[in-house]
Amino acid sequence: MLTGLVGLLVTLLIIGLIFAVVWWIIGLIPMPAPIGQIVRVIVAVIFLIVLLSYLVGFLPAPQHGLWPR
């Protein structure tokens, strides 16, 4: 269990570092205001999807599904 938590923490740190670098690079590229904001929102949504996929994969599977019989 502890090994899984350490692995998850390392993975989240690496994903966060990659996200921070991409966010910084997007800020350096000169783009018009609406396009820059749209790109940042897209990057943030991708980051959240990846983050949630890792966190949900770490949770235990439900025993009976959504609706027990």
N, C-alpha and C. Protein backbone atom coordinates (compact mmCIF):
# COMPACT_ATOMS: atom_id res chain seq x y z
N MET A 1 0.83 -1.20 0.00
CA MET A 1 0.00 0.00 0.00
C MET A 1 0.87 1.26 0.00
N LEU A 2 1.91 1.24 0.83
CA LEU A 2 2.79 2.40 0.91
C LEU A 2 3.55 2.61 -0.39
N THR A 3 3.96 1.51 -1.02
CA THR A 3 4.67 1.62 -2.28
C THR A 3 3.78 2.24 -3.35
N GLY A 4 2.49 1.86 -3.34
CA GLY A 4 1.54 2.44 -4.29
C GLY A 4 1.36 3.93 -4.07
N LEU A 5 1.32 4.35 -2.81
CA LEU A 5 1.17 5.78 -2.51
C LEU A 5 2.40 6.57 -2.94
N VAL A 6 3.58 6.00 -2.72
CA VAL A 6 4.81 6.70 -3.12
C VAL A 6 4.86 6.79 -4.64
N GLY A 7 4.50 5.71 -5.33
CA GLY A 7 4.47 5.74 -6.78
C GLY A 7 3.48 6.75 -7.32
N LEU A 8 2.31 6.82 -6.68
CA LEU A 8 1.30 7.80 -7.08
C LEU A 8 1.80 9.22 -6.85
N LEU A 9 2.46 9.45 -5.73
CA LEU A 9 2.98 10.78 -5.42
C LEU A 9 4.04 11.20 -6.44
N VAL A 10 4.94 10.29 -6.78
CA VAL A 10 5.98 10.60 -7.76
C VAL A 10 5.34 10.89 -9.12
N THR A 11 4.35 10.08 -9.50
CA THR A 11 3.66 10.29 -10.77
C THR A 11 2.97 11.65 -10.79
N LEU A 12 2.30 12.00 -9.71
CA LEU A 12 1.60 13.30 -9.65
C LEU A 12 2.59 14.46 -9.69
N LEU A 13 3.74 14.31 -9.06
CA LEU A 13 4.75 15.37 -9.12
C LEU A 13 5.29 15.54 -10.53
N ILE A 14 5.52 14.44 -11.23
CA ILE A 14 6.02 14.53 -12.60
C ILE A 14 4.97 15.16 -13.51
N ILE A 15 3.71 14.74 -13.36
CA ILE A 15 2.63 15.32 -14.17
C ILE A 15 2.49 16.82 -13.87
N GLY A 16 2.58 17.19 -12.60
CA GLY A 16 2.50 18.60 -12.24
C GLY A 16 3.65 19.41 -12.81
N LEU A 17 4.84 18.83 -12.82
CA LEU A 17 5.99 19.52 -13.39
C LEU A 17 5.83 19.71 -14.90
N ILE A 18 5.37 18.67 -15.58
CA ILE A 18 5.12 18.78 -17.02
C ILE A 18 4.06 19.84 -17.30
N PHE A 19 2.99 19.84 -16.52
CA PHE A 19 1.94 20.83 -16.69
C PHE A 19 2.47 22.24 -16.47
N ALA A 20 3.31 22.43 -15.45
CA ALA A 20 3.85 23.76 -15.17
C ALA A 20 4.74 24.25 -16.31
N VAL A 21 5.54 23.35 -16.88
CA VAL A 21 6.41 23.73 -17.99
C VAL A 21 5.58 24.10 -19.22
N VAL A 22 4.55 23.29 -19.52
CA VAL A 22 3.68 23.60 -20.67
C VAL A 22 2.97 24.93 -20.45
N TRP A 23 2.48 25.16 -19.25
CA TRP A 23 1.78 26.42 -18.92
C TRP A 23 2.73 27.60 -19.10
N TRP A 24 3.99 27.45 -18.67
CA TRP A 24 4.99 28.51 -18.78
C TRP A 24 5.31 28.78 -20.25
N ILE A 25 5.48 27.72 -21.05
CA ILE A 25 5.79 27.88 -22.47
C ILE A 25 4.64 28.56 -23.20
N ILE A 26 3.41 28.20 -22.86
CA ILE A 26 2.25 28.85 -23.48
C ILE A 26 2.24 30.34 -23.15
N GLY A 27 2.64 30.69 -21.95
CA GLY A 27 2.72 32.10 -21.58
C GLY A 27 3.78 32.87 -22.34
N LEU A 28 4.83 32.18 -22.78
CA LEU A 28 5.90 32.85 -23.53
C LEU A 28 5.56 33.08 -24.99
N ILE A 29 4.66 32.25 -25.54
CA ILE A 29 4.30 32.37 -26.95
C ILE A 29 3.34 33.55 -27.12
N PRO A 30 3.69 34.51 -27.97
CA PRO A 30 2.78 35.66 -28.15
C PRO A 30 1.56 35.25 -28.99
N MET A 31 0.40 35.27 -28.35
CA MET A 31 -0.86 34.94 -29.02
C MET A 31 -1.88 36.02 -28.68
N PRO A 32 -2.86 36.22 -29.54
CA PRO A 32 -3.94 37.15 -29.20
C PRO A 32 -4.66 36.66 -27.93
N ALA A 33 -5.27 37.59 -27.23
CA ALA A 33 -5.86 37.31 -25.92
C ALA A 33 -6.87 36.15 -25.92
N PRO A 34 -7.85 36.12 -26.80
CA PRO A 34 -8.81 35.01 -26.67
C PRO A 34 -8.19 33.65 -27.00
N ILE A 35 -7.28 33.60 -27.95
CA ILE A 35 -6.68 32.32 -28.33
C ILE A 35 -5.79 31.80 -27.20
N GLY A 36 -5.04 32.67 -26.57
CA GLY A 36 -4.19 32.28 -25.45
C GLY A 36 -4.99 31.72 -24.29
N GLN A 37 -6.12 32.36 -24.00
CA GLN A 37 -6.97 31.88 -22.91
C GLN A 37 -7.61 30.54 -23.26
N ILE A 38 -8.00 30.38 -24.51
CA ILE A 38 -8.61 29.11 -24.93
C ILE A 38 -7.59 27.98 -24.83
N VAL A 39 -6.36 28.25 -25.25
CA VAL A 39 -5.31 27.23 -25.17
C VAL A 39 -5.04 26.86 -23.72
N ARG A 40 -5.00 27.84 -22.84
CA ARG A 40 -4.77 27.55 -21.42
C ARG A 40 -5.91 26.74 -20.82
N VAL A 41 -7.14 27.03 -21.20
CA VAL A 41 -8.28 26.26 -20.70
C VAL A 41 -8.19 24.82 -21.20
N ILE A 42 -7.82 24.63 -22.47
CA ILE A 42 -7.68 23.28 -23.01
C ILE A 42 -6.59 22.51 -22.27
N VAL A 43 -5.46 23.15 -22.01
CA VAL A 43 -4.38 22.50 -21.28
C VAL A 43 -4.83 22.16 -19.86
N ALA A 44 -5.56 23.04 -19.21
CA ALA A 44 -6.04 22.77 -17.85
C ALA A 44 -7.03 21.60 -17.84
N VAL A 45 -7.91 21.53 -18.83
CA VAL A 45 -8.87 20.42 -18.90
C VAL A 45 -8.14 19.10 -19.14
N ILE A 46 -7.15 19.10 -20.01
CA ILE A 46 -6.36 17.88 -20.25
C ILE A 46 -5.65 17.46 -18.97
N PHE A 47 -5.09 18.42 -18.25
CA PHE A 47 -4.41 18.11 -16.99
C PHE A 47 -5.39 17.50 -15.99
N LEU A 48 -6.58 18.06 -15.87
CA LEU A 48 -7.56 17.53 -14.93
C LEU A 48 -8.00 16.12 -15.32
N ILE A 49 -8.17 15.87 -16.61
CA ILE A 49 -8.57 14.53 -17.05
C ILE A 49 -7.48 13.52 -16.72
N VAL A 50 -6.23 13.87 -16.98
CA VAL A 50 -5.13 12.96 -16.67
C VAL A 50 -5.02 12.75 -15.16
N LEU A 51 -5.14 13.81 -14.40
CA LEU A 51 -5.07 13.72 -12.95
C LEU A 51 -6.18 12.84 -12.39
N LEU A 52 -7.40 13.05 -12.84
CA LEU A 52 -8.52 12.23 -12.37
C LEU A 52 -8.38 10.78 -12.79
N SER A 53 -7.85 10.53 -13.97
CA SER A 53 -7.68 9.14 -14.40
C SER A 53 -6.69 8.41 -13.50
N TYR A 54 -5.63 9.09 -13.07
CA TYR A 54 -4.68 8.46 -12.15
C TYR A 54 -5.30 8.27 -10.77
N LEU A 55 -6.04 9.25 -10.29
CA LEU A 55 -6.61 9.14 -8.95
C LEU A 55 -7.73 8.11 -8.90
N VAL A 56 -8.55 8.03 -9.93
CA VAL A 56 -9.63 7.05 -9.95
C VAL A 56 -9.05 5.65 -10.11
N GLY A 57 -7.98 5.50 -10.87
CA GLY A 57 -7.34 4.20 -11.00
C GLY A 57 -6.74 3.72 -9.70
N PHE A 58 -6.45 4.61 -8.78
CA PHE A 58 -5.86 4.24 -7.50
C PHE A 58 -6.91 3.77 -6.50
N LEU A 59 -8.17 4.17 -6.71
CA LEU A 59 -9.25 3.79 -5.79
C LEU A 59 -9.59 2.32 -5.96
N PRO A 60 -10.07 1.69 -4.91
CA PRO A 60 -10.49 0.28 -5.05
C PRO A 60 -11.77 0.18 -5.88
N ALA A 61 -11.92 -0.92 -6.58
CA ALA A 61 -13.11 -1.13 -7.41
C ALA A 61 -14.32 -1.39 -6.51
N PRO A 62 -15.51 -0.92 -6.90
CA PRO A 62 -16.70 -1.19 -6.10
C PRO A 62 -17.04 -2.68 -6.13
N GLN A 63 -17.58 -3.16 -5.03
CA GLN A 63 -17.89 -4.58 -4.93
C GLN A 63 -19.18 -4.95 -5.64
N HIS A 64 -20.18 -4.06 -5.61
CA HIS A 64 -21.50 -4.41 -6.14
C HIS A 64 -21.91 -3.54 -7.32
N GLY A 65 -21.07 -2.70 -7.83
CA GLY A 65 -21.46 -1.83 -8.91
C GLY A 65 -22.28 -0.66 -8.38
N LEU A 66 -22.94 0.03 -9.28
CA LEU A 66 -23.72 1.19 -8.86
C LEU A 66 -25.03 0.79 -8.19
N TRP A 67 -25.69 -0.22 -8.75
CA TRP A 67 -26.99 -0.64 -8.22
C TRP A 67 -26.93 -2.09 -7.81
N PRO A 68 -26.98 -2.34 -6.51
CA PRO A 68 -26.96 -3.75 -6.08
C PRO A 68 -28.24 -4.46 -6.52
N ARG A 69 -28.12 -5.76 -6.79
CA ARG A 69 -29.28 -6.54 -7.25
C ARG A 69 -30.10 -7.05 -6.12
